PDB file of all heavy atoms in Angstrom:
ATOM      1  N   GLN A   1       0.842  -1.190   0.000  1.00  0.00           N
ATOM      2  CA  GLN A   1       0.000   0.000   0.000  1.00  0.00           C
ATOM      3  C   GLN A   1       0.880   1.245   0.000  1.00  0.00           C
ATOM      4  O   GLN A   1       1.893   1.306   0.704  1.00  0.00           O
ATOM      5  CB  GLN A   1      -0.910  -0.003   1.228  1.00  0.00           C
ATOM      6  CG  GLN A   1      -2.084  -0.972   1.103  1.00  0.00           C
ATOM      7  CD  GLN A   1      -3.161  -0.698   2.129  1.00  0.00           C
ATOM      8  OE1 GLN A   1      -3.019  -1.094   3.285  1.00  0.00           O
ATOM      9  NE2 GLN A   1      -4.233  -0.034   1.714  1.00  0.00           N
ATOM     10  N   CYS A   2       0.466   2.237  -0.777  1.00  0.00           N
ATOM     11  CA  CYS A   2       1.270   3.437  -0.971  1.00  0.00           C
ATOM     12  C   CYS A   2       0.517   4.644  -0.413  1.00  0.00           C
ATOM     13  O   CYS A   2      -0.670   4.833  -0.709  1.00  0.00           O
ATOM     14  CB  CYS A   2       1.534   3.627  -2.461  1.00  0.00           C
ATOM     15  SG  CYS A   2       2.694   4.936  -2.858  1.00  0.00           S
ATOM     16  N   PRO A   3       1.182   5.472   0.406  1.00  0.00           N
ATOM     17  CA  PRO A   3       0.507   6.648   0.975  1.00  0.00           C
ATOM     18  C   PRO A   3       0.273   7.725  -0.073  1.00  0.00           C
ATOM     19  O   PRO A   3       0.797   7.662  -1.188  1.00  0.00           O
ATOM     20  CB  PRO A   3       1.480   7.132   2.047  1.00  0.00           C
ATOM     21  CG  PRO A   3       2.810   6.679   1.563  1.00  0.00           C
ATOM     22  CD  PRO A   3       2.568   5.371   0.866  1.00  0.00           C
ATOM     23  N   GLY A   4      -0.494   8.733   0.309  1.00  0.00           N
ATOM     24  CA  GLY A   4      -0.726   9.874  -0.566  1.00  0.00           C
ATOM     25  C   GLY A   4       0.490  10.763  -0.661  1.00  0.00           C
ATOM     26  O   GLY A   4       1.524  10.533  -0.017  1.00  0.00           O
ATOM     27  N   ASP A   5       0.381  11.827  -1.471  1.00  0.00           N
ATOM     28  CA  ASP A   5       1.534  12.655  -1.781  1.00  0.00           C
ATOM     29  C   ASP A   5       1.718  13.847  -0.852  1.00  0.00           C
ATOM     30  O   ASP A   5       2.621  14.658  -1.061  1.00  0.00           O
ATOM     31  CB  ASP A   5       1.424  13.177  -3.225  1.00  0.00           C
ATOM     32  CG  ASP A   5       1.641  12.059  -4.243  1.00  0.00           C
ATOM     33  OD1 ASP A   5       2.195  11.020  -3.862  1.00  0.00           O
ATOM     34  OD2 ASP A   5       1.244  12.248  -5.407  1.00  0.00           O
ATOM     35  N   GLY A   6       0.902  13.990   0.179  1.00  0.00           N
ATOM     36  CA  GLY A   6       1.065  15.118   1.090  1.00  0.00           C
ATOM     37  C   GLY A   6       2.136  14.866   2.130  1.00  0.00           C
ATOM     38  O   GLY A   6       2.380  13.728   2.544  1.00  0.00           O
ATOM     39  N   GLY A   7       2.827  15.932   2.575  1.00  0.00           N
ATOM     40  CA  GLY A   7       3.824  15.813   3.640  1.00  0.00           C
ATOM     41  C   GLY A   7       4.927  14.846   3.272  1.00  0.00           C
ATOM     42  O   GLY A   7       5.347  14.733   2.110  1.00  0.00           O
ATOM     43  N   ILE A   8       5.406  14.110   4.261  1.00  0.00           N
ATOM     44  CA  ILE A   8       6.478  13.139   4.020  1.00  0.00           C
ATOM     45  C   ILE A   8       5.965  11.922   3.270  1.00  0.00           C
ATOM     46  O   ILE A   8       6.740  11.083   2.801  1.00  0.00           O
ATOM     47  CB  ILE A   8       7.161  12.738   5.355  1.00  0.00           C
ATOM     48  CG1 ILE A   8       8.561  12.147   5.086  1.00  0.00           C
ATOM     49  CG2 ILE A   8       6.277  11.784   6.144  1.00  0.00           C
ATOM     50  CD1 ILE A   8       9.378  11.916   6.333  1.00  0.00           C
ATOM     51  N   GLY A   9       4.626  11.842   3.108  1.00  0.00           N
ATOM     52  CA  GLY A   9       4.052  10.781   2.290  1.00  0.00           C
ATOM     53  C   GLY A   9       4.588  10.805   0.867  1.00  0.00           C
ATOM     54  O   GLY A   9       4.719   9.762   0.216  1.00  0.00           O
ATOM     55  N   LEU A  10       4.928  12.007   0.348  1.00  0.00           N
ATOM     56  CA  LEU A  10       5.508  12.110  -0.995  1.00  0.00           C
ATOM     57  C   LEU A  10       6.836  11.367  -1.060  1.00  0.00           C
ATOM     58  O   LEU A  10       7.136  10.703  -2.061  1.00  0.00           O
ATOM     59  CB  LEU A  10       5.706  13.584  -1.358  1.00  0.00           C
ATOM     60  CG  LEU A  10       6.344  13.872  -2.721  1.00  0.00           C
ATOM     61  CD1 LEU A  10       5.480  13.334  -3.853  1.00  0.00           C
ATOM     62  CD2 LEU A  10       6.586  15.373  -2.889  1.00  0.00           C
ATOM     63  N   ALA A  11       7.637  11.451   0.008  1.00  0.00           N
ATOM     64  CA  ALA A  11       8.925  10.746   0.046  1.00  0.00           C
ATOM     65  C   ALA A  11       8.718   9.236   0.133  1.00  0.00           C
ATOM     66  O   ALA A  11       9.418   8.466  -0.538  1.00  0.00           O
ATOM     67  CB  ALA A  11       9.755  11.235   1.226  1.00  0.00           C
ATOM     68  N   VAL A  12       7.761   8.797   0.958  1.00  0.00           N
ATOM     69  CA  VAL A  12       7.494   7.365   1.086  1.00  0.00           C
ATOM     70  C   VAL A  12       6.984   6.814  -0.243  1.00  0.00           C
ATOM     71  O   VAL A  12       7.426   5.748  -0.704  1.00  0.00           O
ATOM     72  CB  VAL A  12       6.471   7.100   2.214  1.00  0.00           C
ATOM     73  CG1 VAL A  12       6.175   5.606   2.331  1.00  0.00           C
ATOM     74  CG2 VAL A  12       6.992   7.628   3.543  1.00  0.00           C
ATOM     75  N   ALA A  13       6.063   7.547  -0.880  1.00  0.00           N
ATOM     76  CA  ALA A  13       5.535   7.108  -2.168  1.00  0.00           C
ATOM     77  C   ALA A  13       6.637   7.052  -3.225  1.00  0.00           C
ATOM     78  O   ALA A  13       6.712   6.118  -4.028  1.00  0.00           O
ATOM     79  CB  ALA A  13       4.415   8.047  -2.614  1.00  0.00           C
ATOM     80  N   ASN A  14       7.526   8.043  -3.225  1.00  0.00           N
ATOM     81  CA  ASN A  14       8.644   8.066  -4.172  1.00  0.00           C
ATOM     82  C   ASN A  14       9.519   6.834  -4.013  1.00  0.00           C
ATOM     83  O   ASN A  14       9.916   6.194  -4.997  1.00  0.00           O
ATOM     84  CB  ASN A  14       9.449   9.347  -3.961  1.00  0.00           C
ATOM     85  CG  ASN A  14      10.754   9.374  -4.732  1.00  0.00           C
ATOM     86  OD1 ASN A  14      11.801   9.033  -4.182  1.00  0.00           O
ATOM     87  ND2 ASN A  14      10.704   9.777  -5.995  1.00  0.00           N
ATOM     88  N   ARG A  15       9.841   6.456  -2.766  1.00  0.00           N
ATOM     89  CA  ARG A  15      10.703   5.291  -2.535  1.00  0.00           C
ATOM     90  C   ARG A  15       9.989   3.999  -2.937  1.00  0.00           C
ATOM     91  O   ARG A  15      10.591   3.113  -3.546  1.00  0.00           O
ATOM     92  CB  ARG A  15      11.124   5.211  -1.067  1.00  0.00           C
ATOM     93  CG  ARG A  15      11.840   6.425  -0.499  1.00  0.00           C
ATOM     94  CD  ARG A  15      12.892   7.035  -1.408  1.00  0.00           C
ATOM     95  NE  ARG A  15      13.702   8.012  -0.719  1.00  0.00           N
ATOM     96  CZ  ARG A  15      13.433   9.316  -0.648  1.00  0.00           C
ATOM     97  NH1 ARG A  15      12.363   9.815  -1.249  1.00  0.00           N
ATOM     98  NH2 ARG A  15      14.241  10.134  -0.006  1.00  0.00           N
ATOM     99  N   LEU A  16       8.716   3.901  -2.610  1.00  0.00           N
ATOM    100  CA  LEU A  16       7.970   2.695  -2.984  1.00  0.00           C
ATOM    101  C   LEU A  16       7.849   2.587  -4.505  1.00  0.00           C
ATOM    102  O   LEU A  16       7.987   1.502  -5.071  1.00  0.00           O
ATOM    103  CB  LEU A  16       6.577   2.724  -2.359  1.00  0.00           C
ATOM    104  CG  LEU A  16       6.365   1.903  -1.095  1.00  0.00           C
ATOM    105  CD1 LEU A  16       4.939   2.043  -0.594  1.00  0.00           C
ATOM    106  CD2 LEU A  16       6.708   0.434  -1.329  1.00  0.00           C
ATOM    107  N   ASN A  17       7.579   3.703  -5.157  1.00  0.00           N
ATOM    108  CA  ASN A  17       7.452   3.685  -6.612  1.00  0.00           C
ATOM    109  C   ASN A  17       8.756   3.256  -7.270  1.00  0.00           C
ATOM    110  O   ASN A  17       8.759   2.509  -8.255  1.00  0.00           O
ATOM    111  CB  ASN A  17       7.040   5.065  -7.121  1.00  0.00           C
ATOM    112  CG  ASN A  17       5.632   5.445  -6.691  1.00  0.00           C
ATOM    113  OD1 ASN A  17       4.853   4.589  -6.285  1.00  0.00           O
ATOM    114  ND2 ASN A  17       5.320   6.720  -6.754  1.00  0.00           N
ATOM    115  N   LYS A  18       9.899   3.730  -6.739  1.00  0.00           N
ATOM    116  CA  LYS A  18      11.185   3.322  -7.289  1.00  0.00           C
ATOM    117  C   LYS A  18      11.472   1.845  -6.999  1.00  0.00           C
ATOM    118  O   LYS A  18      12.034   1.138  -7.834  1.00  0.00           O
ATOM    119  CB  LYS A  18      12.295   4.218  -6.745  1.00  0.00           C
ATOM    120  CG  LYS A  18      12.325   5.603  -7.390  1.00  0.00           C
ATOM    121  CD  LYS A  18      13.490   6.421  -6.895  1.00  0.00           C
ATOM    122  CE  LYS A  18      13.597   7.731  -7.672  1.00  0.00           C
ATOM    123  NZ  LYS A  18      14.034   7.519  -9.065  1.00  0.00           N
ATOM    124  N   ALA A  19      11.097   1.397  -5.796  1.00  0.00           N
ATOM    125  CA  ALA A  19      11.265  -0.019  -5.470  1.00  0.00           C
ATOM    126  C   ALA A  19      10.445  -0.892  -6.417  1.00  0.00           C
ATOM    127  O   ALA A  19      10.841  -2.011  -6.757  1.00  0.00           O
ATOM    128  CB  ALA A  19      10.845  -0.281  -4.023  1.00  0.00           C
ATOM    129  N   ALA A  20       9.300  -0.359  -6.856  1.00  0.00           N
ATOM    130  CA  ALA A  20       8.418  -1.095  -7.759  1.00  0.00           C
ATOM    131  C   ALA A  20       8.773  -0.887  -9.227  1.00  0.00           C
ATOM    132  O   ALA A  20       8.081  -1.413 -10.106  1.00  0.00           O
ATOM    133  CB  ALA A  20       6.974  -0.660  -7.518  1.00  0.00           C
ATOM    134  N   GLY A  21       9.846  -0.119  -9.497  1.00  0.00           N
ATOM    135  CA  GLY A  21      10.158   0.200 -10.880  1.00  0.00           C
ATOM    136  C   GLY A  21       9.027   0.961 -11.539  1.00  0.00           C
ATOM    137  O   GLY A  21       8.765   0.823 -12.744  1.00  0.00           O
ATOM    138  N   PHE A  22       8.317   1.769 -10.732  1.00  0.00           N
ATOM    139  CA  PHE A  22       7.157   2.557 -11.164  1.00  0.00           C
ATOM    140  C   PHE A  22       6.025   1.692 -11.686  1.00  0.00           C
ATOM    141  O   PHE A  22       5.234   2.118 -12.526  1.00  0.00           O
ATOM    142  CB  PHE A  22       7.573   3.641 -12.167  1.00  0.00           C
ATOM    143  CG  PHE A  22       8.323   4.769 -11.526  1.00  0.00           C
ATOM    144  CD1 PHE A  22       9.699   4.708 -11.384  1.00  0.00           C
ATOM    145  CD2 PHE A  22       7.652   5.851 -11.003  1.00  0.00           C
ATOM    146  CE1 PHE A  22      10.404   5.738 -10.756  1.00  0.00           C
ATOM    147  CE2 PHE A  22       8.352   6.879 -10.372  1.00  0.00           C
ATOM    148  CZ  PHE A  22       9.720   6.823 -10.239  1.00  0.00           C
ATOM    149  N   HIS A  23       5.929   0.455 -11.177  1.00  0.00           N
ATOM    150  CA  HIS A  23       4.751  -0.399 -11.420  1.00  0.00           C
ATOM    151  C   HIS A  23       3.714  -0.017 -10.355  1.00  0.00           C
ATOM    152  O   HIS A  23       3.705  -0.566  -9.260  1.00  0.00           O
ATOM    153  CB  HIS A  23       5.126  -1.878 -11.321  1.00  0.00           C
ATOM    154  CG  HIS A  23       3.989  -2.793 -11.655  1.00  0.00           C
ATOM    155  ND1 HIS A  23       4.061  -4.162 -11.484  1.00  0.00           N
ATOM    156  CD2 HIS A  23       2.731  -2.552 -12.128  1.00  0.00           C
ATOM    157  CE1 HIS A  23       2.920  -4.703 -11.841  1.00  0.00           C
ATOM    158  NE2 HIS A  23       2.103  -3.744 -12.233  1.00  0.00           N
ATOM    159  N   ILE A  24       2.867   0.958 -10.701  1.00  0.00           N
ATOM    160  CA  ILE A  24       1.934   1.557  -9.739  1.00  0.00           C
ATOM    161  C   ILE A  24       0.508   1.326 -10.224  1.00  0.00           C
ATOM    162  O   ILE A  24       0.194   1.539 -11.404  1.00  0.00           O
ATOM    163  CB  ILE A  24       2.179   3.073  -9.601  1.00  0.00           C
ATOM    164  CG1 ILE A  24       3.648   3.347  -9.300  1.00  0.00           C
ATOM    165  CG2 ILE A  24       1.273   3.670  -8.541  1.00  0.00           C
ATOM    166  CD1 ILE A  24       4.083   4.772  -9.613  1.00  0.00           C
ATOM    167  N   ILE A  25      -0.351   0.911  -9.307  1.00  0.00           N
ATOM    168  CA  ILE A  25      -1.767   0.745  -9.612  1.00  0.00           C
ATOM    169  C   ILE A  25      -2.554   1.780  -8.850  1.00  0.00           C
ATOM    170  O   ILE A  25      -2.456   1.862  -7.623  1.00  0.00           O
ATOM    171  CB  ILE A  25      -2.251  -0.681  -9.255  1.00  0.00           C
ATOM    172  CG1 ILE A  25      -1.538  -1.708 -10.163  1.00  0.00           C
ATOM    173  CG2 ILE A  25      -3.759  -0.797  -9.401  1.00  0.00           C
ATOM    174  CD1 ILE A  25      -1.783  -3.134  -9.783  1.00  0.00           C
ATOM    175  N   GLU A  26      -3.334   2.594  -9.553  1.00  0.00           N
ATOM    176  CA  GLU A  26      -4.180   3.610  -8.922  1.00  0.00           C
ATOM    177  C   GLU A  26      -5.562   3.011  -8.707  1.00  0.00           C
ATOM    178  O   GLU A  26      -6.134   2.383  -9.601  1.00  0.00           O
ATOM    179  CB  GLU A  26      -4.290   4.844  -9.824  1.00  0.00           C
ATOM    180  CG  GLU A  26      -2.975   5.520 -10.135  1.00  0.00           C
ATOM    181  CD  GLU A  26      -2.517   6.458  -9.034  1.00  0.00           C
ATOM    182  OE1 GLU A  26      -3.275   6.625  -8.054  1.00  0.00           O
ATOM    183  OE2 GLU A  26      -1.408   7.030  -9.175  1.00  0.00           O
TER     184      GLU A  26
END
């Protein structure tokens, strides 16, 4: 599960997206 883009959530989402090779499901 990926957090939203507000606050430090943007950093967590960025790291998860890179870990996933930007394989992201909205």
